[in-house]
Amino acid sequence: YHLRFDNPRPVDFQNAYLAEQEFINDGQFDWTKVYETNLNNLRNGGNSTYILSANRTDDTRLQFNTILDARLNDNITLNGKVRYRNLNSENYAEVKDLLGGQQFLDVDFFADENSNTIGSSQDLAQSDLRNPNRTVTEGERFSYNYEIDSEVYESFAQLQFKYKKFDFYVAANAGRTTYQRTGLYENGFFPGDRSFGPGEKLDFTTFGAKAGGVYKLTGRHLFEVNAAYTQDAPTLRNSYSNARQNHEIVENLTEVTSQAFDASYIFKSPDVDLRLSAFYAGFQDLTNVQFYFTEDITGVEVNDGNAFVQEVMNGIETRHMGAELGIEYQVTSTIKLKGAASYGEYTYANNPDLYLTSQDFPGQKIRFGDGKTALEDVRLSNGPQQAYQIGFEYRDPKYWFVGVTSNFFYDNFVGASGLARSDNFVLDRDGIPFNDYDEATARQILAQEDMGDYMLMNAIGGKSWKVGEYYIGFFAVINNLLDEVFRSGGFEQSRRANFQNRTEDLTRENGPLFGNRYFYGRGTTYYINFYIRF
C-alpha cells in the first residue's frame, strides 16, 4: 500500500517496513479494538459495529429410486432406473457473535442513492422493507433470506450385449428439472415482487444417449470406443444472477448440451497392462456468474465507474481434447512399475456473451460494445492440462507393501477475466476509446499466466496380520512427501479492467496492487487407517 505510487520516497519505504512488522508481530486483526468499539457503543445505547456472521445453507432432501436389472438371455442384459429428487434449500445469513454488543442493526451501510436507483437511501438500505431498521441478536437471520425449491425427475435405460469378440451397449436417459426461488425478505434495492415471494419457476427438459463397445481382436489386444450426447439442466448457482437479493434469472438460460467421444487401445498380458486413449468433449450453452468489485465500468453513471457487480457470462462453449496413457509392468512377483501420462487442451470455443448486474444499477444489464468477451481459444482454469506419473509398488509375501509415485504437472493457467476481454477494456469512462491504446501492449498485459510446473511425490504403505480368525492391519498415505509449495489455481482480478488502469497496475515498479490471485495446494499431509476384519 505504501509503495503503490511510482518513485516512492524514503518515508514510504519506512512506513511500508513498519506496516510489515506490525502485521508480523500483531497479526492482521485487532480484536481488542473490535470489542472496545462495540462495548463503547453499548454504554452509549448503540448497536454493535462489528459482528461475526455465517452464511447458512440448510438443505432438506427427499429421494426415491427404483432399479431394474434383468438378464434377457445369455448375451443381453437390461438395466434401468427411475429416480425422483426433491430439494428445499434455505439460504440466509445468521448472527453468530455480537462481539461484546447486544444487538446489530440489519441495514446495508453501503447503500447510496444515485441516478440509477429508485427510493431514498433509507429504503435502499433495508434488507427487508417489511421489517425496516430491524435489530437482530445472536442466532437470528439477517441480511438475506430466501428458499430454493428444486425437483428432479430422471429415467435411464441401458442394454448390454456380450459376445465372444465384441461387447457393446446402448443407453438413453430423459428427465425434467425445476427450480423456484421464494424470497422471504423484500430487498430495498429490489422492492415488491422483484425480490419477495415466489419467483418464476424454471423448467428444463433433459435427455441423452450414449453407446460404446469393445472389440477383442485377441485376448491381449482390445479396442474400445464410447460416444455420448446429453442435455443437462444448468446448475442452481448459475441460474440466478444474485439469488441473495432478487429473482433475476440469467438471460437466455437453457439446457447445457454436451458431446463426448473417446477411443482406446488396450493391451493385457501376464506382465504388462497398457491403455492408450484419445478423447474429445464439447459443451454449449454454459453459464457462469461471478461476484467482484471493479473500478472500471464504462457507460453507466455510478460512483465514477466503481461498483460491486455480478458478471454474467452465458452462451459459453468449451472444448476438451487430449490423449492419455497408462501402463503397469510386473517386474517380479513382488515389484510392479507404474507410469501414466495425460496431455490435454481445454479451451473456450467461442466468445461468450457478457453483461453486468448490480444493486448500484438495479434492473439494468450493462453491456459493452457487441456484448461479447474475447475468450475463444483462451485456456480454461480447471487444473493442470498436462500430467505425468512414474512410480513403483512392492508387495512382500509377508503381507506388507509400499509404493511411491512421482507426479509432474504442467500448463496450469489462471482463470481469465471476462470483463478485461470485453469492449470495456478499450473504452474510457466517457465511452470513447483511449487515445493511447496500443494493440501490442494490450496483448502483453492480457497474456494468460501459466502458474508454473510442479512435482508432487506421494507414498503409500501398509501391513496386515492374521490373529486367529481375525485380520488386523493398517495402511498409511503420505501426500506431497517433499512438502512442495505449488499453486493449485488462480484468477485474474477484474478490479482494474481497462487498458490504462490495468497497464498502470501491472507495470508498477513494486508490483501490482490488483494482480492475479492464487490458491495454494496443501503441504505434506498424512493419513493412516487401522482395521479389523472378521
Protein backbone atom coordinates (compact mmCIF):
# COMPACT_ATOMS: atom_id res chain seq x y z
CA TYR A 1 0.00 0.00 0.00
CA HIS A 2 2.70 2.48 0.98
CA LEU A 3 4.63 1.71 -2.23
CA ARG A 4 1.64 1.95 -4.57
CA PHE A 5 2.85 5.10 -6.33
CA ASP A 6 5.81 5.45 -8.68
CA ASN A 7 9.09 6.83 -7.27
CA PRO A 8 8.40 6.11 -3.59
CA ARG A 9 10.14 8.37 -1.08
CA PRO A 10 12.30 7.17 1.83
CA VAL A 11 9.40 7.79 4.20
CA ASP A 12 7.21 5.48 2.08
CA PHE A 13 9.74 2.65 2.44
CA GLN A 14 9.87 3.35 6.18
CA ASN A 15 6.08 3.21 6.51
CA ALA A 16 5.97 0.01 4.44
CA TYR A 17 8.54 -1.62 6.75
CA LEU A 18 6.67 -0.52 9.89
CA ALA A 19 3.38 -1.86 8.50
CA GLU A 20 5.05 -5.18 7.68
CA GLN A 21 6.48 -5.51 11.19
CA GLU A 22 3.16 -4.61 12.79
CA PHE A 23 1.46 -7.30 10.71
CA ILE A 24 4.09 -9.90 11.62
CA ASN A 25 4.05 -9.10 15.34
CA ASP A 26 0.40 -8.26 15.97
CA GLY A 27 -1.50 -10.09 13.25
CA GLN A 28 -3.99 -8.79 10.77
CA PHE A 29 -6.94 -8.12 13.03
CA ASP A 30 -7.12 -6.05 16.21
CA TRP A 31 -9.65 -8.00 18.26
CA THR A 32 -9.21 -5.78 21.30
CA LYS A 33 -10.17 -2.69 19.29
CA VAL A 34 -13.24 -4.51 17.92
CA TYR A 35 -14.55 -5.35 21.40
CA GLU A 36 -13.73 -1.89 22.71
CA THR A 37 -15.75 -0.28 19.90
CA ASN A 38 -18.80 -2.49 20.49
CA LEU A 39 -18.66 -2.06 24.28
CA ASN A 40 -18.39 1.70 23.91
CA ASN A 41 -21.44 1.65 21.61
CA LEU A 42 -23.31 -0.42 24.20
CA ARG A 43 -22.53 2.04 27.00
CA ASN A 44 -23.96 4.81 24.83
CA GLY A 45 -27.10 2.86 23.91
CA GLY A 46 -25.91 1.90 20.44
CA ASN A 47 -25.61 -1.29 18.38
CA SER A 48 -22.62 -3.45 17.56
CA THR A 49 -20.47 -2.08 14.77
CA TYR A 50 -18.72 -5.42 14.27
CA ILE A 51 -20.19 -8.92 14.41
CA LEU A 52 -19.34 -12.45 13.36
CA SER A 53 -21.84 -13.99 10.96
CA ALA A 54 -22.31 -17.19 8.97
CA ASN A 55 -23.73 -17.75 5.50
CA ARG A 56 -26.04 -20.72 6.01
CA THR A 57 -27.45 -23.22 3.52
CA ASP A 58 -29.82 -25.68 5.21
CA ASP A 59 -30.97 -28.37 2.78
CA THR A 60 -33.85 -30.79 3.19
CA ARG A 61 -33.77 -33.62 0.65
CA LEU A 62 -36.16 -36.36 -0.35
CA GLN A 63 -35.08 -39.04 -2.81
CA PHE A 64 -36.72 -42.09 -4.33
CA ASN A 65 -35.04 -44.72 -6.54
CA THR A 66 -36.13 -47.86 -8.27
CA ILE A 67 -33.67 -50.03 -10.18
CA LEU A 68 -34.22 -52.72 -12.81
CA ASP A 69 -31.59 -55.35 -13.62
CA ALA A 70 -32.82 -58.09 -15.96
CA ARG A 71 -30.90 -60.75 -17.88
CA LEU A 72 -32.87 -61.19 -21.12
CA ASN A 73 -30.74 -64.07 -22.39
CA ASP A 74 -27.18 -65.35 -22.26
CA ASN A 75 -25.93 -62.32 -24.22
CA ILE A 76 -28.21 -59.40 -23.36
CA THR A 77 -28.77 -57.58 -20.06
CA LEU A 78 -31.23 -54.75 -19.45
CA ASN A 79 -30.53 -52.11 -16.77
CA GLY A 80 -32.96 -49.38 -15.85
CA LYS A 81 -33.52 -46.74 -13.19
CA VAL A 82 -36.13 -44.19 -12.25
CA ARG A 83 -35.25 -41.53 -9.69
CA TYR A 84 -37.05 -38.59 -8.07
CA ARG A 85 -35.27 -35.92 -6.01
CA ASN A 86 -36.81 -33.04 -4.09
CA LEU A 87 -34.78 -30.24 -2.51
CA ASN A 88 -35.80 -27.40 -0.24
CA SER A 89 -32.79 -25.17 0.38
CA GLU A 90 -32.93 -22.41 2.99
CA ASN A 91 -30.29 -19.73 2.42
CA TYR A 92 -29.66 -16.94 4.91
CA ALA A 93 -27.10 -15.04 6.96
CA GLU A 94 -27.05 -15.71 10.71
CA VAL A 95 -25.57 -13.65 13.53
CA LYS A 96 -23.03 -15.84 15.34
CA ASP A 97 -21.39 -13.44 17.82
CA LEU A 98 -22.13 -9.80 18.67
CA LEU A 99 -18.56 -9.39 19.96
CA GLY A 100 -19.48 -7.67 23.20
CA GLY A 101 -22.64 -5.93 21.97
CA GLN A 102 -26.31 -6.74 22.49
CA GLN A 103 -27.81 -6.25 19.02
CA PHE A 104 -27.00 -5.35 15.42
CA LEU A 105 -28.88 -3.04 13.02
CA ASP A 106 -29.83 -5.04 9.93
CA VAL A 107 -29.28 -2.47 7.17
CA ASP A 108 -26.84 -2.09 4.27
CA PHE A 109 -24.39 0.58 5.47
CA PHE A 110 -23.02 0.95 1.93
CA ALA A 111 -26.40 1.75 0.37
CA ASP A 112 -26.30 5.02 -1.53
CA GLU A 113 -28.68 6.90 -3.79
CA ASN A 114 -27.68 7.56 -7.39
CA SER A 115 -29.33 8.29 -10.73
CA ASN A 116 -29.88 4.57 -11.33
CA THR A 117 -31.73 3.77 -8.09
CA ILE A 118 -35.31 4.50 -7.09
CA GLY A 119 -36.12 5.41 -3.50
CA SER A 120 -34.44 7.08 -0.56
CA SER A 121 -31.17 5.82 0.87
CA GLN A 122 -33.08 4.79 3.99
CA ASP A 123 -35.33 2.47 1.97
CA LEU A 124 -32.47 1.19 -0.19
CA ALA A 125 -30.52 0.20 2.91
CA GLN A 126 -33.22 -2.16 4.16
CA SER A 127 -32.53 -5.88 3.96
CA ASP A 128 -36.27 -6.34 4.41
CA LEU A 129 -38.63 -3.45 3.67
CA ARG A 130 -41.35 -5.29 5.57
CA ASN A 131 -39.29 -5.03 8.78
CA PRO A 132 -37.42 -1.71 8.46
CA ASN A 133 -34.49 -0.89 10.77
CA ARG A 134 -34.75 -4.29 12.39
CA THR A 135 -32.26 -5.15 15.11
CA VAL A 136 -31.08 -8.75 15.43
CA THR A 137 -29.35 -10.79 18.11
CA GLU A 138 -27.23 -13.94 18.10
CA GLY A 139 -28.84 -16.86 16.28
CA GLU A 140 -31.22 -14.67 14.25
CA ARG A 141 -31.36 -14.31 10.48
CA PHE A 142 -30.42 -11.05 8.76
CA SER A 143 -29.09 -9.52 5.51
CA TYR A 144 -30.71 -12.05 3.14
CA ASN A 145 -33.21 -14.88 3.47
CA TYR A 146 -34.66 -16.98 0.68
CA GLU A 147 -35.56 -20.54 -0.26
CA ILE A 148 -34.89 -22.56 -3.40
CA ASP A 149 -37.17 -25.46 -4.28
CA SER A 150 -36.00 -27.98 -6.83
CA GLU A 151 -37.49 -31.12 -8.29
CA VAL A 152 -35.62 -33.59 -10.49
CA TYR A 153 -37.23 -36.49 -12.38
CA GLU A 154 -34.83 -38.90 -14.07
CA SER A 155 -35.16 -42.13 -16.04
CA PHE A 156 -32.42 -44.29 -17.52
CA ALA A 157 -32.30 -47.50 -19.59
CA GLN A 158 -29.34 -49.46 -20.94
CA LEU A 159 -28.93 -52.62 -22.99
CA GLN A 160 -25.64 -54.51 -22.71
CA PHE A 161 -24.61 -57.09 -25.30
CA LYS A 162 -21.77 -59.54 -24.65
CA TYR A 163 -20.33 -61.81 -27.32
CA LYS A 164 -17.12 -63.69 -27.90
CA LYS A 165 -15.40 -60.99 -29.97
CA PHE A 166 -17.49 -57.92 -29.30
CA ASP A 167 -19.16 -56.30 -26.25
CA PHE A 168 -21.25 -53.18 -26.66
CA TYR A 169 -24.01 -51.16 -25.02
CA VAL A 170 -26.63 -48.56 -25.93
CA ALA A 171 -28.29 -46.30 -23.36
CA ALA A 172 -30.66 -43.37 -23.11
CA ASN A 173 -31.95 -41.10 -20.38
CA ALA A 174 -34.66 -38.48 -20.05
CA GLY A 175 -35.69 -36.15 -17.28
CA ARG A 176 -37.05 -32.87 -16.04
CA THR A 177 -35.59 -30.35 -13.58
CA THR A 178 -37.37 -27.38 -11.99
CA TYR A 179 -36.08 -24.52 -9.82
CA GLN A 180 -38.02 -21.81 -7.99
CA ARG A 181 -36.78 -19.07 -5.69
CA THR A 182 -39.00 -17.76 -2.90
CA GLY A 183 -37.86 -14.52 -1.30
CA LEU A 184 -38.56 -14.19 2.44
CA TYR A 185 -37.15 -10.63 2.58
CA GLU A 186 -38.18 -7.68 0.42
CA ASN A 187 -34.85 -6.12 -0.54
CA GLY A 188 -34.62 -2.31 -0.57
CA PHE A 189 -32.92 -2.18 -3.97
CA PHE A 190 -35.38 -4.68 -5.50
CA PRO A 191 -38.75 -3.91 -3.89
CA GLY A 192 -42.00 -5.78 -4.33
CA ASP A 193 -42.15 -8.99 -6.33
CA ARG A 194 -38.66 -8.38 -7.71
CA SER A 195 -37.32 -9.98 -4.54
CA PHE A 196 -40.24 -11.02 -2.29
CA GLY A 197 -42.48 -14.06 -2.59
CA PRO A 198 -42.30 -16.81 -5.22
CA GLY A 199 -40.35 -16.02 -8.37
CA GLU A 200 -40.65 -17.50 -11.85
CA LYS A 201 -40.49 -21.29 -11.97
CA LEU A 202 -37.65 -22.51 -14.16
CA ASP A 203 -38.31 -25.71 -16.10
CA PHE A 204 -35.72 -27.76 -18.01
CA THR A 205 -36.20 -30.91 -20.09
CA THR A 206 -33.14 -33.13 -20.19
CA PHE A 207 -32.22 -36.14 -22.28
CA GLY A 208 -29.22 -38.03 -23.52
CA ALA A 209 -27.96 -41.04 -25.41
CA LYS A 210 -24.72 -42.95 -25.37
CA ALA A 211 -23.22 -46.01 -26.95
CA GLY A 212 -19.94 -47.84 -26.87
CA GLY A 213 -18.22 -51.12 -27.30
CA VAL A 214 -15.08 -53.22 -27.03
CA TYR A 215 -13.68 -55.28 -29.91
CA LYS A 216 -11.48 -58.16 -28.74
CA LEU A 217 -9.03 -58.76 -31.55
CA THR A 218 -7.32 -61.32 -29.33
CA GLY A 219 -7.25 -61.94 -25.61
CA ARG A 220 -4.43 -59.40 -25.34
CA HIS A 221 -5.39 -56.74 -27.88
CA LEU A 222 -8.65 -54.85 -27.39
CA PHE A 223 -10.14 -51.70 -28.94
CA GLU A 224 -12.78 -49.61 -27.17
CA VAL A 225 -14.92 -46.65 -28.31
CA ASN A 226 -17.57 -44.61 -26.48
CA ALA A 227 -19.78 -41.73 -27.64
CA ALA A 228 -22.42 -39.65 -25.88
CA TYR A 229 -24.79 -36.75 -26.46
CA THR A 230 -26.53 -35.17 -23.46
CA GLN A 231 -28.59 -32.19 -22.35
CA ASP A 232 -28.48 -31.26 -18.66
CA ALA A 233 -30.07 -28.55 -16.55
CA PRO A 234 -27.83 -25.61 -15.62
CA THR A 235 -26.64 -25.50 -12.02
CA LEU A 236 -28.63 -23.59 -9.44
CA ARG A 237 -25.74 -21.21 -8.76
CA ASN A 238 -25.51 -20.22 -12.41
CA SER A 239 -29.26 -19.83 -12.96
CA TYR A 240 -29.74 -16.62 -10.92
CA SER A 241 -27.58 -13.52 -11.23
CA ASN A 242 -27.85 -12.74 -7.48
CA ALA A 243 -30.26 -15.01 -5.63
CA ARG A 244 -29.43 -13.37 -2.28
CA GLN A 245 -31.11 -10.13 -3.35
CA ASN A 246 -33.63 -10.79 -6.12
CA HIS A 247 -35.41 -13.10 -8.55
CA GLU A 248 -33.38 -12.10 -11.64
CA ILE A 249 -32.71 -15.07 -13.92
CA VAL A 250 -29.66 -15.37 -16.14
CA GLU A 251 -30.55 -14.19 -19.62
CA ASN A 252 -31.21 -16.84 -22.31
CA LEU A 253 -30.94 -19.61 -19.74
CA THR A 254 -31.34 -23.04 -21.31
CA GLU A 255 -30.16 -26.64 -21.04
CA VAL A 256 -26.41 -27.34 -21.30
CA THR A 257 -25.59 -29.51 -24.31
CA SER A 258 -22.52 -31.75 -24.50
CA GLN A 259 -20.94 -34.28 -26.83
CA ALA A 260 -18.19 -36.71 -25.88
CA PHE A 261 -16.12 -39.30 -27.70
CA ASP A 262 -13.18 -41.46 -26.68
CA ALA A 263 -11.26 -44.30 -28.28
CA SER A 264 -8.76 -46.64 -26.60
CA TYR A 265 -6.29 -49.37 -27.38
CA ILE A 266 -5.87 -51.88 -24.52
CA PHE A 267 -3.08 -54.43 -24.18
CA LYS A 268 -3.15 -57.12 -21.49
CA SER A 269 -0.54 -59.74 -20.71
CA PRO A 270 0.71 -61.51 -17.57
CA ASP A 271 3.44 -58.87 -17.16
CA VAL A 272 2.14 -55.71 -18.86
CA ASP A 273 -1.16 -53.82 -18.79
CA LEU A 274 -1.40 -50.81 -21.10
CA ARG A 275 -4.15 -48.41 -22.13
CA LEU A 276 -3.78 -45.64 -24.72
CA SER A 277 -6.75 -43.29 -25.19
CA ALA A 278 -7.77 -40.20 -27.11
CA PHE A 279 -10.76 -38.11 -26.06
CA TYR A 280 -12.88 -35.15 -27.06
CA ALA A 281 -15.72 -33.35 -25.26
CA GLY A 282 -17.61 -30.22 -26.25
CA PHE A 283 -20.05 -28.17 -24.17
CA GLN A 284 -22.50 -25.49 -25.29
CA ASP A 285 -24.81 -23.01 -23.53
CA LEU A 286 -22.90 -22.98 -20.27
CA THR A 287 -23.39 -20.05 -17.91
CA ASN A 288 -21.09 -18.59 -15.27
CA VAL A 289 -21.88 -15.98 -12.60
CA GLN A 290 -19.07 -14.25 -10.68
CA PHE A 291 -19.13 -11.57 -7.97
CA TYR A 292 -16.47 -8.87 -7.56
CA PHE A 293 -15.75 -5.17 -7.06
CA THR A 294 -14.50 -3.20 -10.04
CA GLU A 295 -13.38 0.39 -10.55
CA ASP A 296 -13.67 0.38 -14.34
CA ILE A 297 -17.26 0.29 -15.60
CA THR A 298 -17.91 2.25 -18.78
CA GLY A 299 -21.27 3.64 -19.84
CA VAL A 300 -23.08 3.90 -16.50
CA GLU A 301 -23.23 6.93 -14.24
CA VAL A 302 -22.38 5.40 -10.89
CA ASN A 303 -19.61 6.19 -8.42
CA ASP A 304 -17.00 7.06 -11.07
CA GLY A 305 -17.26 3.55 -12.53
CA ASN A 306 -16.96 1.78 -9.15
CA ALA A 307 -19.45 -0.95 -8.20
CA PHE A 308 -19.81 -4.38 -6.68
CA VAL A 309 -21.15 -6.36 -9.62
CA GLN A 310 -22.35 -9.72 -10.78
CA GLU A 311 -20.62 -10.68 -14.01
CA VAL A 312 -22.88 -12.96 -16.04
CA MET A 313 -21.45 -14.92 -18.96
CA ASN A 314 -23.84 -17.04 -20.99
CA GLY A 315 -23.76 -18.96 -24.23
CA ILE A 316 -20.34 -20.30 -23.23
CA GLU A 317 -18.84 -23.05 -25.38
CA THR A 318 -15.81 -25.08 -24.26
CA ARG A 319 -13.67 -27.75 -25.85
CA HIS A 320 -11.74 -30.53 -24.06
CA MET A 321 -9.47 -32.84 -26.03
CA GLY A 322 -6.32 -34.81 -25.49
CA ALA A 323 -4.70 -38.19 -25.04
CA GLU A 324 -3.88 -40.42 -22.07
CA LEU A 325 -1.55 -43.35 -21.47
CA GLY A 326 -1.41 -45.74 -18.53
CA ILE A 327 0.96 -48.67 -18.13
CA GLU A 328 1.86 -51.19 -15.43
CA TYR A 329 4.75 -53.66 -15.65
CA GLN A 330 5.07 -56.59 -13.25
CA VAL A 331 8.86 -56.80 -12.98
CA THR A 332 8.83 -59.68 -10.48
CA SER A 333 6.17 -61.32 -8.35
CA THR A 334 6.69 -58.56 -5.76
CA ILE A 335 7.69 -55.45 -7.75
CA LYS A 336 5.44 -53.50 -10.11
CA LEU A 337 6.36 -50.36 -12.09
CA LYS A 338 3.68 -47.82 -12.98
CA GLY A 339 3.50 -44.97 -15.45
CA ALA A 340 0.83 -42.60 -16.71
CA ALA A 341 0.61 -39.57 -18.95
CA SER A 342 -2.15 -37.13 -19.84
CA TYR A 343 -1.88 -34.36 -22.41
CA GLY A 344 -4.89 -32.11 -22.89
CA GLU A 345 -6.05 -28.82 -24.30
CA TYR A 346 -9.07 -27.37 -22.51
CA THR A 347 -10.17 -24.07 -24.03
CA TYR A 348 -13.09 -21.75 -24.64
CA ALA A 349 -14.53 -22.50 -28.09
CA ASN A 350 -16.33 -19.18 -28.68
CA ASN A 351 -16.66 -15.59 -27.49
CA PRO A 352 -19.48 -15.75 -24.90
CA ASP A 353 -22.00 -13.02 -24.12
CA LEU A 354 -21.23 -10.90 -21.05
CA TYR A 355 -23.23 -8.40 -19.03
CA LEU A 356 -23.11 -6.91 -15.53
CA THR A 357 -25.83 -6.51 -12.91
CA SER A 358 -25.60 -4.70 -9.58
CA GLN A 359 -27.61 -3.07 -6.82
CA ASP A 360 -25.93 0.17 -7.95
CA PHE A 361 -27.93 -0.02 -11.20
CA PRO A 362 -30.87 -2.31 -10.26
CA GLY A 363 -32.87 -3.78 -13.11
CA GLN A 364 -30.24 -2.90 -15.71
CA LYS A 365 -27.94 -5.20 -17.66
CA ILE A 366 -24.77 -3.33 -18.63
CA ARG A 367 -23.13 -4.50 -21.87
CA PHE A 368 -20.06 -3.25 -23.69
CA GLY A 369 -19.83 -2.92 -27.47
CA ASP A 370 -21.14 -6.08 -29.12
CA GLY A 371 -21.82 -7.64 -25.71
CA LYS A 372 -19.13 -10.28 -26.18
CA THR A 373 -15.94 -11.17 -24.34
CA ALA A 374 -12.96 -12.34 -26.42
CA LEU A 375 -12.27 -15.72 -24.80
CA GLU A 376 -12.10 -18.03 -27.82
CA ASP A 377 -9.01 -20.31 -27.56
CA VAL A 378 -8.19 -18.98 -24.06
CA ARG A 379 -7.30 -21.86 -21.72
CA LEU A 380 -9.78 -22.98 -19.06
CA SER A 381 -8.71 -22.78 -15.45
CA ASN A 382 -9.53 -26.30 -14.33
CA GLY A 383 -6.16 -27.57 -13.13
CA PRO A 384 -3.03 -28.72 -14.96
CA GLN A 385 -3.64 -29.69 -18.58
CA GLN A 386 -0.59 -31.94 -18.70
CA ALA A 387 0.20 -34.57 -16.05
CA TYR A 388 2.75 -37.39 -15.93
CA GLN A 389 3.36 -40.07 -13.33
CA ILE A 390 6.02 -42.67 -12.63
CA GLY A 391 6.17 -44.97 -9.63
CA PHE A 392 6.62 -48.42 -8.19
CA GLU A 393 4.89 -50.77 -5.79
CA TYR A 394 6.42 -53.53 -3.69
CA ARG A 395 4.23 -56.28 -2.13
CA ASP A 396 6.06 -58.62 0.20
CA PRO A 397 4.95 -62.25 0.68
CA LYS A 398 4.83 -61.48 4.41
CA TYR A 399 1.81 -59.22 3.83
CA TRP A 400 3.28 -55.76 3.81
CA PHE A 401 3.52 -53.33 0.91
CA VAL A 402 4.90 -49.92 -0.01
CA GLY A 403 4.53 -47.71 -3.06
CA VAL A 404 5.91 -44.37 -4.21
CA THR A 405 4.81 -42.21 -7.14
CA SER A 406 6.23 -39.00 -8.59
CA ASN A 407 3.71 -36.75 -10.33
CA PHE A 408 4.63 -33.94 -12.71
CA PHE A 409 2.16 -31.18 -13.65
CA TYR A 410 2.28 -28.58 -16.45
CA ASP A 411 0.07 -25.99 -18.19
CA ASN A 412 -1.84 -24.74 -15.15
CA PHE A 413 -3.45 -21.43 -16.14
CA VAL A 414 -5.18 -18.70 -14.14
CA GLY A 415 -8.84 -18.03 -14.83
CA ALA A 416 -9.19 -15.28 -17.45
CA SER A 417 -11.11 -12.07 -16.68
CA GLY A 418 -14.14 -11.75 -18.92
CA LEU A 419 -14.54 -8.02 -18.24
CA ALA A 420 -10.93 -7.29 -19.24
CA ARG A 421 -11.52 -9.03 -22.58
CA SER A 422 -14.74 -7.17 -23.41
CA ASP A 423 -15.02 -3.83 -25.23
CA ASN A 424 -14.99 -2.20 -21.80
CA PHE A 425 -11.21 -2.75 -21.88
CA VAL A 426 -10.57 -0.21 -24.67
CA LEU A 427 -13.06 2.46 -23.52
CA ASP A 428 -12.61 5.38 -21.17
CA ARG A 429 -15.43 6.17 -18.73
CA ASP A 430 -16.99 8.55 -21.26
CA GLY A 431 -17.40 5.64 -23.67
CA ILE A 432 -14.71 6.88 -26.07
CA PRO A 433 -11.68 4.67 -26.88
CA PHE A 434 -8.42 5.59 -25.14
CA ASN A 435 -6.18 7.85 -27.21
CA ASP A 436 -3.06 5.94 -26.16
CA TYR A 437 -4.47 2.45 -26.77
CA ASP A 438 -1.77 0.16 -28.19
CA GLU A 439 -2.62 -3.30 -29.52
CA ALA A 440 0.82 -4.79 -28.78
CA THR A 441 0.75 -3.58 -25.17
CA ALA A 442 -2.81 -4.83 -24.76
CA ARG A 443 -1.85 -8.32 -25.93
CA GLN A 444 1.06 -8.34 -23.50
CA ILE A 445 -0.93 -7.38 -20.40
CA LEU A 446 -3.80 -9.72 -21.32
CA ALA A 447 -1.50 -12.71 -21.87
CA GLN A 448 -2.86 -15.56 -19.75
CA GLU A 449 -0.46 -16.58 -16.99
CA ASP A 450 0.79 -20.14 -16.65
CA MET A 451 1.24 -20.60 -12.89
CA GLY A 452 4.26 -22.85 -13.30
CA ASP A 453 5.21 -26.51 -13.28
CA TYR A 454 5.47 -28.57 -10.11
CA MET A 455 6.18 -32.10 -8.90
CA LEU A 456 4.46 -33.98 -6.09
CA MET A 457 5.74 -37.22 -4.56
CA ASN A 458 3.29 -39.48 -2.75
CA ALA A 459 3.84 -42.65 -0.73
CA ILE A 460 1.57 -45.42 0.49
CA GLY A 461 2.26 -48.46 2.64
CA GLY A 462 0.67 -50.97 4.96
CA LYS A 463 0.74 -54.34 6.63
CA SER A 464 -1.72 -56.97 7.81
CA TRP A 465 -1.60 -59.83 10.31
CA LYS A 466 -3.82 -62.86 10.87
CA VAL A 467 -4.64 -63.34 14.53
CA GLY A 468 -6.79 -66.42 14.98
CA GLU A 469 -9.85 -65.87 12.81
CA TYR A 470 -9.27 -62.12 12.55
CA TYR A 471 -7.26 -59.99 10.18
CA ILE A 472 -5.67 -56.89 11.71
CA GLY A 473 -3.86 -54.30 9.68
CA PHE A 474 -3.24 -50.72 8.72
CA PHE A 475 -2.36 -48.64 5.70
CA ALA A 476 -0.90 -45.16 5.59
CA VAL A 477 -0.72 -42.46 2.93
CA ILE A 478 1.65 -39.50 2.75
CA ASN A 479 0.81 -36.94 0.08
CA ASN A 480 3.25 -34.27 -1.10
CA LEU A 481 6.09 -36.09 0.61
CA LEU A 482 8.64 -33.34 -0.18
CA ASP A 483 6.36 -30.53 1.06
CA GLU A 484 6.32 -28.83 -2.35
CA VAL A 485 4.81 -25.32 -2.40
CA PHE A 486 2.65 -25.04 -5.51
CA ARG A 487 -0.19 -23.00 -6.96
CA SER A 488 -3.24 -25.15 -7.47
CA GLY A 489 -5.35 -22.41 -9.08
CA GLY A 490 -5.85 -18.71 -9.53
CA PHE A 491 -7.67 -15.98 -11.40
CA GLU A 492 -7.19 -12.55 -12.94
CA GLN A 493 -8.76 -9.80 -10.87
CA SER A 494 -11.23 -7.51 -12.63
CA ARG A 495 -10.89 -4.55 -10.30
CA ARG A 496 -8.61 -2.75 -12.76
CA ALA A 497 -10.09 -3.91 -16.06
CA ASN A 498 -9.48 -1.23 -18.70
CA PHE A 499 -6.39 -0.61 -20.77
CA GLN A 500 -5.00 2.38 -18.89
CA ASN A 501 -5.63 1.22 -15.34
CA ARG A 502 -4.60 -2.40 -15.93
CA THR A 503 -1.41 -1.35 -17.72
CA GLU A 504 -0.55 1.09 -14.94
CA ASP A 505 -1.20 -1.51 -12.23
CA LEU A 506 0.64 -4.45 -13.82
CA THR A 507 3.72 -2.38 -14.69
CA ARG A 508 4.22 -0.80 -11.26
CA GLU A 509 7.86 -0.88 -10.14
CA ASN A 510 6.97 -2.54 -6.83
CA GLY A 511 4.43 -4.98 -8.23
CA PRO A 512 0.70 -4.72 -8.94
CA LEU A 513 -1.85 -3.90 -6.28
CA PHE A 514 -4.54 -5.94 -8.00
CA GLY A 515 -2.60 -8.59 -9.86
CA ASN A 516 -3.54 -12.22 -10.24
CA ARG A 517 -4.81 -14.04 -7.15
CA TYR A 518 -3.63 -17.58 -6.38
CA PHE A 519 -4.72 -20.64 -4.44
CA TYR A 520 -2.08 -22.91 -2.96
CA GLY A 521 -2.22 -26.66 -2.57
CA ARG A 522 -1.67 -28.50 0.68
CA GLY A 523 1.78 -29.22 2.01
CA THR A 524 2.68 -32.67 3.34
CA THR A 525 -0.43 -34.47 4.59
CA TYR A 526 -0.73 -37.78 6.43
CA TYR A 527 -3.49 -40.36 6.63
CA ILE A 528 -3.47 -43.67 8.49
CA ASN A 529 -6.21 -46.28 8.78
CA PHE A 530 -6.38 -49.24 11.17
CA TYR A 531 -8.83 -52.07 10.58
CA ILE A 532 -10.04 -55.39 11.94
CA ARG A 533 -11.69 -57.80 9.52
CA PHE A 534 -13.69 -60.85 10.61
